[in-house]
Amino acid sequence: MAEATMVQTLMENLPAGANPYAFGLHFLEERRFPPVPGSTFKILIGFAVIHMCIISVSCAVIMVPLLYNQAKRRKYLWVTKMVYAGTVQVPFRVPNSLLAVAGSQLVSSILCLLYTCLDYVSFKSPDMASKVYLYAWVQLMWLFGFFGYWITGWAGLCTILCSPFPRIPRPFRPLLSRPDLVNLFSLLFPGAVAAGTFAWIASLVLAYHDESEAYHHLHAMVEVAAEQFDAKKAVNFMQLYKASAIYIQINRRLTQRLRWNSFCWAAVGLLTLGFFMLSGGSLVELLRRSQTKVKDMNPTRTRVKHSSDETFSQPGPAQIALELKRGYIYVLCHFSVMMVSMAYTIAVCLLIGIKADEVVLDSYWRSLGSWLYLVCGVIVAFALVLQSWRIFTDLDIIITESEATNTERGDLNETWTCGGESLCMDNLSIHDGKYSSDTPEVQIHQAVMGVRLQKAQVVVIRRAF
């Protein structure tokens, strides 16, 4: 039994002639609050500084668009857009992943900073350690990190579904006729994860509370027993043994909850990673192929008019290909950073789940686990840097919804030619602008939405990442 093992270990290490209960009290305190290396405090201070910088970058990504004109504010500051694909009357709801990543990382970094401060204080003060429930804060950090991953993958999926039909991967094509199902699943899954997270928080807080109560009860009993031993009074050893057994059982229950909680987060991470790989990988492949396609496009009888500029321009294939290349690099880098961050989070969850006993009792694993959680936010910070680059360079590689009539939409098939063959816009359209025939002028307002038309289809990539 664990109780007998603990007593045996205590007696084996008991110095000759020492008070066994005083020694047991010291043993109990070290087991509950193992000493941590001094380097841990330096690491925590370093992470606190890093997350303060990340908070500043997140605020900049959110606030900088407010300094732009109204057109650019509408371009970057929105929550969701309704995007229609084909003839389906129900729209896809495309989320703004730029705000999702910046907002989720802002909240997550604030929680990381708070966690770092509480962790630092708990290492310095054992009395504080029993009151802060650190692992409950970790749940909130992971939850907001999950929101950033999920919304990014959701936006990528909607982007793919609103692309030209031949460019949509076959596994995704059945979803074209069920936008309501896509919208419902994209909202229900994170809602279920959030509900599960708060249930885990309640469970862990109760487990920590029970463990703290059992520890203080046992600590008080051993302290009294040590005084009775010094006063040569009788000590009720069986009562101490039962209190020790209760404490060990409660401690084991806490460890099991920590373990299964970590495994649950690893499972959520794997599902999110698979979803992200399907949507993001398909989007990267779409952009890669589009780079070669657009070089062969020869626009004829086509004019472009930007809603923010009354002058006409006619970008050539080389300019369009350059914009696509920039967008491809951005999406590829963003996709890679988020993938690495998700993989790291899954690895940490599995490691903490496997080493749950050591994380609770061992000084090395306790100090290691205290900052392993903080690294994920640092990785996602690179995605924030990419978001900053996107805003400051005004990166935009997608055309918005055409306001042409049905007749004009049909005429769009004849406005682009490639090698003498007519294209049904199934290859690509780019820029915030307007494509029209020679006679009627049709303008596309900047940053409205993207659609896949029945005749003149357009790719929608602009807002997904």
Protein backbone atom coordinates (compact mmCIF):
# COMPACT_ATOMS: atom_id res chain seq x y z
CA MET A 1 0.00 0.00 0.00
CA ALA A 2 1.12 3.56 -0.65
CA GLU A 3 0.58 4.45 3.02
CA ALA A 4 2.88 1.66 4.21
CA THR A 5 5.46 2.60 1.59
CA MET A 6 5.50 6.21 2.78
CA VAL A 7 5.92 5.15 6.43
CA GLN A 8 8.68 2.71 5.45
CA THR A 9 10.51 5.41 3.47
CA LEU A 10 10.18 7.79 6.41
CA MET A 11 11.62 5.29 8.89
CA GLU A 12 14.50 4.33 6.59
CA ASN A 13 15.63 7.97 6.33
CA LEU A 14 15.05 8.81 9.99
CA PRO A 15 18.28 9.94 11.70
CA ALA A 16 19.21 8.10 14.87
CA GLY A 17 17.73 9.65 17.99
CA ALA A 18 15.61 12.15 16.06
CA ASN A 19 11.99 12.97 16.69
CA PRO A 20 10.19 10.82 14.07
CA TYR A 21 7.17 13.13 13.95
CA ALA A 22 9.25 16.29 13.53
CA PHE A 23 11.19 14.53 10.80
CA GLY A 24 7.91 13.36 9.27
CA LEU A 25 6.63 16.95 9.32
CA HIS A 26 9.71 18.10 7.41
CA PHE A 27 9.29 15.17 4.99
CA LEU A 28 5.63 16.09 4.41
CA GLU A 29 6.44 19.74 3.72
CA GLU A 30 9.15 18.85 1.21
CA ARG A 31 6.85 16.37 -0.51
CA ARG A 32 4.05 18.94 -0.79
CA PHE A 33 6.29 21.90 -1.67
CA PRO A 34 9.48 20.51 -3.23
CA PRO A 35 12.26 23.09 -3.63
CA VAL A 36 12.81 24.36 -7.16
CA PRO A 37 16.07 25.44 -8.81
CA GLY A 38 16.92 29.12 -8.75
CA SER A 39 17.06 29.15 -12.55
CA THR A 40 13.30 28.57 -12.61
CA PHE A 41 12.68 32.06 -11.25
CA LYS A 42 14.87 33.61 -13.95
CA ILE A 43 13.01 31.64 -16.62
CA LEU A 44 9.65 32.81 -15.28
CA ILE A 45 10.81 36.44 -15.28
CA GLY A 46 12.01 36.04 -18.87
CA PHE A 47 8.65 34.61 -19.96
CA ALA A 48 6.84 37.44 -18.19
CA VAL A 49 8.81 39.97 -20.24
CA ILE A 50 8.17 38.01 -23.46
CA HIS A 51 4.43 37.82 -22.88
CA MET A 52 4.29 41.53 -22.10
CA CYS A 53 5.83 42.12 -25.53
CA ILE A 54 3.31 39.72 -27.10
CA ILE A 55 0.48 41.64 -25.45
CA SER A 56 1.83 44.84 -27.02
CA VAL A 57 2.01 43.23 -30.48
CA SER A 58 -1.52 41.83 -30.13
CA CYS A 59 -2.86 45.25 -29.20
CA ALA A 60 -1.03 46.77 -32.17
CA VAL A 61 -2.55 44.24 -34.58
CA ILE A 62 -6.01 45.08 -33.27
CA MET A 63 -5.58 48.85 -32.90
CA VAL A 64 -3.53 49.81 -35.98
CA PRO A 65 -6.47 49.36 -38.43
CA LEU A 66 -8.34 51.98 -36.40
CA LEU A 67 -5.83 54.55 -37.65
CA TYR A 68 -6.65 53.82 -41.29
CA ASN A 69 -9.44 55.32 -43.36
CA GLN A 70 -12.94 53.94 -43.26
CA ALA A 71 -12.42 51.58 -46.20
CA LYS A 72 -9.44 49.89 -44.58
CA ARG A 73 -11.14 49.74 -41.21
CA ARG A 74 -14.01 47.86 -42.83
CA LYS A 75 -11.45 45.66 -44.52
CA TYR A 76 -9.76 44.47 -41.33
CA LEU A 77 -12.21 45.10 -38.47
CA TRP A 78 -15.10 42.69 -38.81
CA VAL A 79 -16.16 39.52 -37.02
CA THR A 80 -17.89 37.34 -39.62
CA LYS A 81 -19.01 37.72 -43.21
CA MET A 82 -21.78 35.86 -45.00
CA VAL A 83 -20.42 34.27 -48.17
CA TYR A 84 -22.63 32.52 -50.73
CA ALA A 85 -21.31 29.61 -52.78
CA GLY A 86 -23.06 28.78 -56.05
CA THR A 87 -26.84 28.74 -56.01
CA VAL A 88 -27.22 27.69 -52.37
CA GLN A 89 -29.38 30.21 -50.54
CA VAL A 90 -27.76 29.67 -47.13
CA PRO A 91 -24.42 31.51 -46.75
CA PHE A 92 -21.21 30.30 -45.19
CA ARG A 93 -20.17 32.38 -42.20
CA VAL A 94 -16.49 33.21 -42.66
CA PRO A 95 -14.76 34.40 -39.45
CA ASN A 96 -12.03 37.01 -39.33
CA SER A 97 -8.98 34.95 -38.41
CA LEU A 98 -6.81 38.06 -38.10
CA LEU A 99 -8.86 39.29 -35.15
CA ALA A 100 -9.24 35.72 -33.89
CA VAL A 101 -5.50 35.08 -33.66
CA ALA A 102 -4.72 38.54 -32.27
CA GLY A 103 -7.63 38.52 -29.81
CA SER A 104 -7.13 34.96 -28.57
CA GLN A 105 -3.39 35.51 -28.20
CA LEU A 106 -4.00 38.78 -26.35
CA VAL A 107 -6.23 37.07 -23.78
CA SER A 108 -3.97 34.01 -23.64
CA SER A 109 -0.86 36.14 -23.06
CA ILE A 110 -2.61 38.10 -20.31
CA LEU A 111 -3.47 34.78 -18.67
CA CYS A 112 0.11 33.58 -19.21
CA LEU A 113 1.43 36.72 -17.53
CA LEU A 114 -0.95 36.24 -14.62
CA TYR A 115 -0.01 32.54 -14.42
CA THR A 116 3.69 33.46 -14.39
CA CYS A 117 3.21 35.89 -11.51
CA LEU A 118 1.14 33.40 -9.50
CA ASP A 119 3.62 30.62 -10.21
CA TYR A 120 6.51 32.81 -9.07
CA VAL A 121 4.70 33.74 -5.85
CA SER A 122 3.67 30.12 -5.17
CA PHE A 123 7.28 28.98 -5.42
CA LYS A 124 8.28 31.67 -2.93
CA SER A 125 5.35 31.19 -0.54
CA PRO A 126 3.91 27.72 0.21
CA ASP A 127 0.86 29.32 1.80
CA MET A 128 0.03 31.04 -1.50
CA ALA A 129 0.58 27.84 -3.49
CA SER A 130 -2.44 26.18 -1.88
CA LYS A 131 -4.74 29.08 -2.83
CA VAL A 132 -4.04 29.94 -6.47
CA TYR A 133 -5.08 26.67 -8.22
CA LEU A 134 -2.50 27.13 -10.99
CA TYR A 135 -3.70 24.31 -13.21
CA ALA A 136 -7.12 25.96 -13.47
CA TRP A 137 -5.41 28.98 -15.05
CA VAL A 138 -3.69 26.64 -17.50
CA GLN A 139 -7.12 25.49 -18.69
CA LEU A 140 -8.07 29.03 -19.68
CA MET A 141 -4.73 29.54 -21.44
CA TRP A 142 -5.29 26.42 -23.51
CA LEU A 143 -8.92 27.31 -24.22
CA PHE A 144 -8.15 30.67 -25.80
CA GLY A 145 -5.24 29.15 -27.69
CA PHE A 146 -7.65 26.56 -29.08
CA PHE A 147 -10.03 29.30 -30.22
CA GLY A 148 -7.27 30.86 -32.31
CA TYR A 149 -6.42 27.52 -33.96
CA TRP A 150 -10.02 26.53 -34.61
CA ILE A 151 -11.19 29.83 -36.07
CA THR A 152 -8.18 29.91 -38.39
CA GLY A 153 -9.01 26.43 -39.67
CA TRP A 154 -12.69 27.34 -39.96
CA ALA A 155 -11.86 30.39 -42.09
CA GLY A 156 -9.61 28.26 -44.29
CA LEU A 157 -12.39 25.70 -44.82
CA CYS A 158 -14.87 28.38 -45.88
CA THR A 159 -12.27 29.82 -48.24
CA ILE A 160 -11.83 26.46 -49.94
CA LEU A 161 -15.59 25.91 -50.22
CA CYS A 162 -16.01 29.30 -51.90
CA SER A 163 -13.29 28.59 -54.46
CA PRO A 164 -13.95 27.55 -58.07
CA PHE A 165 -15.52 24.11 -58.07
CA PRO A 166 -12.67 22.30 -59.91
CA ARG A 167 -10.23 23.63 -57.30
CA ILE A 168 -12.19 22.27 -54.33
CA PRO A 169 -10.77 18.95 -53.01
CA ARG A 170 -13.21 16.10 -53.55
CA PRO A 171 -13.67 15.31 -49.82
CA PHE A 172 -14.97 18.86 -49.31
CA ARG A 173 -17.39 19.00 -52.24
CA PRO A 174 -20.37 17.39 -50.44
CA LEU A 175 -20.22 20.26 -47.95
CA LEU A 176 -21.07 22.78 -50.67
CA SER A 177 -24.74 21.92 -50.42
CA ARG A 178 -24.73 21.97 -46.60
CA PRO A 179 -23.48 25.38 -45.45
CA ASP A 180 -25.86 25.21 -42.50
CA LEU A 181 -24.12 22.02 -41.33
CA VAL A 182 -20.68 23.61 -41.72
CA ASN A 183 -21.76 26.70 -39.78
CA LEU A 184 -23.36 24.62 -37.03
CA PHE A 185 -20.36 22.30 -36.61
CA SER A 186 -17.92 25.22 -36.63
CA LEU A 187 -19.79 26.78 -33.71
CA LEU A 188 -20.86 23.70 -31.74
CA PHE A 189 -17.43 22.08 -31.47
CA PRO A 190 -15.69 25.08 -29.86
CA GLY A 191 -18.78 25.60 -27.73
CA ALA A 192 -18.52 22.01 -26.49
CA VAL A 193 -14.80 22.46 -25.83
CA ALA A 194 -15.50 25.64 -23.84
CA ALA A 195 -18.20 23.89 -21.78
CA GLY A 196 -15.89 20.94 -21.15
CA THR A 197 -13.09 23.29 -20.13
CA PHE A 198 -15.20 24.99 -17.48
CA ALA A 199 -16.33 21.57 -16.23
CA TRP A 200 -12.68 20.53 -15.93
CA ILE A 201 -11.87 23.79 -14.13
CA ALA A 202 -14.58 23.11 -11.55
CA SER A 203 -13.38 19.53 -11.12
CA LEU A 204 -9.74 20.54 -10.72
CA VAL A 205 -10.52 23.37 -8.31
CA LEU A 206 -12.49 20.96 -6.11
CA ALA A 207 -9.67 18.42 -6.27
CA TYR A 208 -7.09 21.05 -5.35
CA HIS A 209 -9.31 22.29 -2.52
CA ASP A 210 -9.78 18.77 -1.11
CA GLU A 211 -6.05 18.10 -1.37
CA SER A 212 -5.24 21.35 0.41
CA GLU A 213 -7.71 20.63 3.20
CA ALA A 214 -6.35 17.09 3.67
CA TYR A 215 -2.77 18.38 3.72
CA HIS A 216 -3.43 21.07 6.33
CA HIS A 217 -5.34 18.56 8.48
CA LEU A 218 -2.49 16.04 8.32
CA HIS A 219 0.12 18.76 8.86
CA ALA A 220 -1.64 19.95 12.01
CA MET A 221 -1.92 16.40 13.36
CA VAL A 222 1.78 15.63 12.75
CA GLU A 223 2.76 18.95 14.33
CA VAL A 224 0.78 18.10 17.45
CA ALA A 225 2.26 14.60 17.48
CA ALA A 226 5.79 16.03 17.35
CA GLU A 227 5.06 18.22 20.36
CA GLN A 228 3.55 15.26 22.23
CA PHE A 229 6.63 13.14 21.44
CA ASP A 230 8.95 15.83 22.81
CA ALA A 231 6.76 16.08 25.92
CA LYS A 232 6.89 12.27 26.23
CA LYS A 233 3.13 11.98 25.90
CA ALA A 234 1.23 9.20 24.15
CA VAL A 235 0.68 9.67 20.42
CA ASN A 236 -2.30 8.20 18.57
CA PHE A 237 -0.37 6.61 15.72
CA MET A 238 -3.40 4.94 14.09
CA GLN A 239 -5.18 8.28 13.79
CA LEU A 240 -2.12 9.68 12.03
CA TYR A 241 -1.98 6.64 9.77
CA LYS A 242 -5.63 7.08 8.73
CA ALA A 243 -5.13 10.79 8.04
CA SER A 244 -2.07 9.93 5.93
CA ALA A 245 -4.10 7.35 3.99
CA ILE A 246 -6.84 9.91 3.27
CA TYR A 247 -4.27 12.46 2.12
CA ILE A 248 -2.58 9.97 -0.21
CA GLN A 249 -5.92 8.92 -1.72
CA ILE A 250 -6.98 12.52 -2.33
CA ASN A 251 -3.57 13.30 -3.78
CA ARG A 252 -3.86 10.31 -6.10
CA ARG A 253 -7.31 11.50 -7.20
CA LEU A 254 -5.88 14.92 -8.04
CA THR A 255 -3.08 13.33 -10.05
CA GLN A 256 -5.55 11.21 -12.01
CA ARG A 257 -7.64 14.24 -12.88
CA LEU A 258 -4.55 16.10 -14.05
CA ARG A 259 -3.55 13.12 -16.18
CA TRP A 260 -6.92 12.66 -17.87
CA ASN A 261 -7.36 16.37 -18.34
CA SER A 262 -4.05 16.52 -20.21
CA PHE A 263 -5.05 13.55 -22.35
CA CYS A 264 -8.39 15.20 -23.16
CA TRP A 265 -6.60 18.35 -24.32
CA ALA A 266 -4.27 16.22 -26.41
CA ALA A 267 -7.31 14.61 -28.09
CA VAL A 268 -8.86 18.03 -28.75
CA GLY A 269 -5.54 19.18 -30.15
CA LEU A 270 -5.30 16.20 -32.50
CA LEU A 271 -8.83 16.83 -33.83
CA THR A 272 -8.07 20.51 -34.32
CA LEU A 273 -4.75 19.71 -35.98
CA GLY A 274 -6.44 17.33 -38.44
CA PHE A 275 -9.11 19.91 -39.26
CA PHE A 276 -6.46 22.60 -39.67
CA MET A 277 -4.28 20.43 -41.92
CA LEU A 278 -7.21 19.64 -44.24
CA SER A 279 -8.35 23.23 -44.63
CA GLY A 280 -5.02 25.02 -44.45
CA GLY A 281 -3.17 22.47 -46.56
CA SER A 282 -5.79 22.67 -49.30
CA LEU A 283 -5.58 26.46 -49.27
CA VAL A 284 -1.79 26.42 -49.57
CA GLU A 285 -2.01 23.99 -52.49
CA LEU A 286 -4.65 26.17 -54.17
CA LEU A 287 -2.41 29.23 -53.97
CA ARG A 288 0.61 27.29 -55.20
CA ARG A 289 -1.22 26.13 -58.32
CA SER A 290 -2.72 29.57 -58.86
CA GLN A 291 0.74 31.10 -59.18
CA THR A 292 1.46 29.08 -62.30
CA LYS A 293 -2.06 29.46 -63.70
CA VAL A 294 -2.16 33.22 -63.51
CA LYS A 295 1.07 33.68 -65.44
CA ASP A 296 -0.63 32.30 -68.55
CA MET A 297 -3.68 34.55 -68.25
CA ASN A 298 -3.99 37.28 -70.90
CA PRO A 299 -6.64 39.86 -69.91
CA THR A 300 -8.48 41.43 -72.83
CA ARG A 301 -11.13 44.15 -72.77
CA THR A 302 -10.85 44.31 -69.00
CA ARG A 303 -10.67 47.33 -66.76
CA VAL A 304 -10.25 47.56 -63.01
CA LYS A 305 -11.65 50.32 -60.87
CA HIS A 306 -10.85 50.44 -57.17
CA SER A 307 -13.57 51.66 -54.86
CA SER A 308 -11.07 53.90 -53.06
CA ASP A 309 -9.69 55.38 -56.29
CA GLU A 310 -11.60 56.77 -59.24
CA THR A 311 -8.80 56.02 -61.70
CA PHE A 312 -8.80 52.93 -63.89
CA SER A 313 -5.92 50.50 -63.91
CA GLN A 314 -5.21 47.24 -65.64
CA PRO A 315 -2.83 45.00 -63.69
CA GLY A 316 -0.97 42.55 -65.85
CA PRO A 317 -0.39 38.87 -65.15
CA ALA A 318 3.09 39.59 -63.77
CA GLN A 319 1.72 41.99 -61.16
CA ILE A 320 -1.09 39.61 -60.27
CA ALA A 321 1.38 36.71 -59.98
CA LEU A 322 3.55 38.81 -57.67
CA GLU A 323 0.57 39.52 -55.41
CA LEU A 324 -0.29 35.84 -55.40
CA LYS A 325 3.28 34.95 -54.48
CA ARG A 326 3.19 37.32 -51.53
CA GLY A 327 -0.11 35.85 -50.42
CA TYR A 328 1.24 32.32 -50.86
CA ILE A 329 4.30 33.09 -48.72
CA TYR A 330 2.12 34.65 -46.05
CA VAL A 331 -0.35 31.76 -45.90
CA LEU A 332 2.42 29.14 -45.98
CA CYS A 333 4.35 30.80 -43.14
CA HIS A 334 1.19 31.37 -41.10
CA PHE A 335 0.11 27.77 -41.68
CA SER A 336 3.54 26.43 -40.65
CA VAL A 337 3.73 28.49 -37.45
CA MET A 338 0.26 27.44 -36.33
CA MET A 339 1.07 23.81 -37.14
CA VAL A 340 4.24 23.90 -35.03
CA SER A 341 2.37 25.56 -32.18
CA MET A 342 -0.41 22.94 -32.23
CA ALA A 343 2.09 20.07 -32.42
CA TYR A 344 3.99 21.51 -29.45
CA THR A 345 0.79 21.88 -27.42
CA ILE A 346 -0.18 18.27 -28.10
CA ALA A 347 3.30 17.08 -27.11
CA VAL A 348 3.16 19.04 -23.84
CA CYS A 349 -0.30 17.66 -23.01
CA LEU A 350 0.87 14.10 -23.59
CA LEU A 351 4.04 14.66 -21.57
CA ILE A 352 2.18 16.18 -18.62
CA GLY A 353 -0.37 13.38 -18.77
CA ILE A 354 2.30 10.68 -18.70
CA LYS A 355 4.36 12.42 -16.00
CA ALA A 356 1.43 13.64 -13.88
CA ASP A 357 2.81 12.06 -10.67
CA GLU A 358 6.20 13.68 -11.13
CA VAL A 359 4.67 17.06 -12.03
CA VAL A 360 2.84 17.07 -8.68
CA LEU A 361 5.58 15.65 -6.44
CA ASP A 362 8.99 15.97 -8.11
CA SER A 363 10.84 19.30 -7.90
CA TYR A 364 12.43 19.00 -11.35
CA TRP A 365 9.18 18.19 -13.14
CA ARG A 366 7.27 20.77 -11.15
CA SER A 367 9.65 23.53 -12.23
CA LEU A 368 9.77 22.19 -15.79
CA GLY A 369 6.00 21.99 -16.08
CA SER A 370 5.64 25.53 -14.76
CA TRP A 371 7.15 27.06 -17.91
CA LEU A 372 6.41 24.42 -20.55
CA TYR A 373 2.89 25.86 -20.81
CA LEU A 374 4.27 29.33 -21.53
CA VAL A 375 6.28 28.38 -24.63
CA CYS A 376 3.23 27.81 -26.84
CA GLY A 377 2.25 31.47 -26.67
CA VAL A 378 5.76 32.44 -27.73
CA ILE A 379 5.46 30.25 -30.85
CA VAL A 380 2.12 31.79 -31.79
CA ALA A 381 3.75 35.21 -31.46
CA PHE A 382 5.44 34.57 -34.81
CA ALA A 383 1.98 34.29 -36.37
CA LEU A 384 1.21 37.69 -34.84
CA VAL A 385 4.31 39.11 -36.52
CA LEU A 386 2.96 37.79 -39.83
CA GLN A 387 -0.39 39.42 -39.09
CA SER A 388 1.42 42.70 -38.46
CA TRP A 389 3.22 42.37 -41.80
CA ARG A 390 -0.11 41.71 -43.50
CA ILE A 391 -1.64 44.87 -42.05
CA PHE A 392 1.28 47.23 -42.60
CA THR A 393 1.83 46.03 -46.19
CA ASP A 394 -1.93 45.98 -46.82
CA LEU A 395 -1.61 42.46 -48.22
CA ASP A 396 -4.71 41.60 -50.22
CA ILE A 397 -4.98 38.87 -52.82
CA ILE A 398 -8.68 38.35 -53.31
CA ILE A 399 -11.53 39.90 -55.23
CA THR A 400 -14.77 40.57 -53.35
CA GLU A 401 -18.34 39.84 -54.35
CA SER A 402 -19.35 41.02 -57.81
CA GLU A 403 -22.40 43.23 -57.94
CA ALA A 404 -23.01 42.46 -61.59
CA THR A 405 -26.37 41.33 -62.84
CA ASN A 406 -26.91 37.78 -64.04
CA THR A 407 -26.35 38.89 -67.65
CA GLU A 408 -23.15 40.68 -66.73
CA ARG A 409 -21.96 37.67 -64.74
CA GLY A 410 -22.36 35.57 -67.83
CA ASP A 411 -20.43 38.13 -69.87
CA LEU A 412 -17.52 37.81 -67.48
CA ASN A 413 -16.73 34.47 -69.05
CA GLU A 414 -15.60 36.32 -72.15
CA THR A 415 -13.46 38.95 -70.43
CA TRP A 416 -10.46 36.73 -69.81
CA THR A 417 -8.69 34.57 -72.35
CA CYS A 418 -5.75 32.26 -71.99
CA GLY A 419 -4.13 30.72 -75.04
CA GLY A 420 -7.16 31.53 -77.19
CA GLU A 421 -9.52 29.63 -74.88
CA SER A 422 -12.28 31.27 -72.89
CA LEU A 423 -12.06 30.89 -69.10
CA CYS A 424 -15.15 30.80 -66.89
CA MET A 425 -13.14 32.54 -64.17
CA ASP A 426 -12.45 29.07 -62.89
CA ASN A 427 -8.79 29.87 -62.59
CA LEU A 428 -8.42 33.01 -60.55
CA SER A 429 -9.49 36.61 -59.93
CA ILE A 430 -7.52 38.92 -57.76
CA HIS A 431 -7.54 42.36 -56.09
CA ASP A 432 -10.10 44.59 -54.45
CA GLY A 433 -11.54 45.89 -57.60
CA LYS A 434 -14.05 45.65 -60.39
CA TYR A 435 -13.92 43.59 -63.52
CA SER A 436 -16.27 44.68 -66.28
CA SER A 437 -16.88 44.44 -69.96
CA ASP A 438 -16.43 47.41 -72.29
CA THR A 439 -19.87 48.88 -71.94
CA PRO A 440 -21.42 48.68 -68.48
CA GLU A 441 -19.22 49.65 -65.57
CA VAL A 442 -19.62 47.31 -62.60
CA GLN A 443 -17.84 48.13 -59.38
CA ILE A 444 -16.97 45.80 -56.52
CA HIS A 445 -16.87 47.61 -53.21
CA GLN A 446 -13.76 46.95 -51.23
CA ALA A 447 -13.88 44.30 -48.52
CA VAL A 448 -17.47 43.19 -48.83
CA MET A 449 -17.44 39.42 -49.28
CA GLY A 450 -16.57 36.65 -51.73
CA VAL A 451 -18.86 34.31 -53.64
CA ARG A 452 -18.56 31.42 -56.01
CA LEU A 453 -20.96 32.31 -58.82
CA GLN A 454 -22.72 29.72 -60.91
CA LYS A 455 -21.20 31.02 -64.17
CA ALA A 456 -18.41 33.40 -63.25
CA GLN A 457 -16.70 31.78 -60.29
CA VAL A 458 -14.07 33.54 -58.20
CA VAL A 459 -11.54 32.35 -55.66
CA VAL A 460 -11.94 33.71 -52.15
CA ILE A 461 -8.65 33.71 -50.26
CA ARG A 462 -8.34 37.22 -48.92
CA ARG A 463 -9.75 36.95 -45.42
CA ALA A 464 -9.15 33.32 -44.50
CA PHE A 465 -5.77 33.80 -42.93
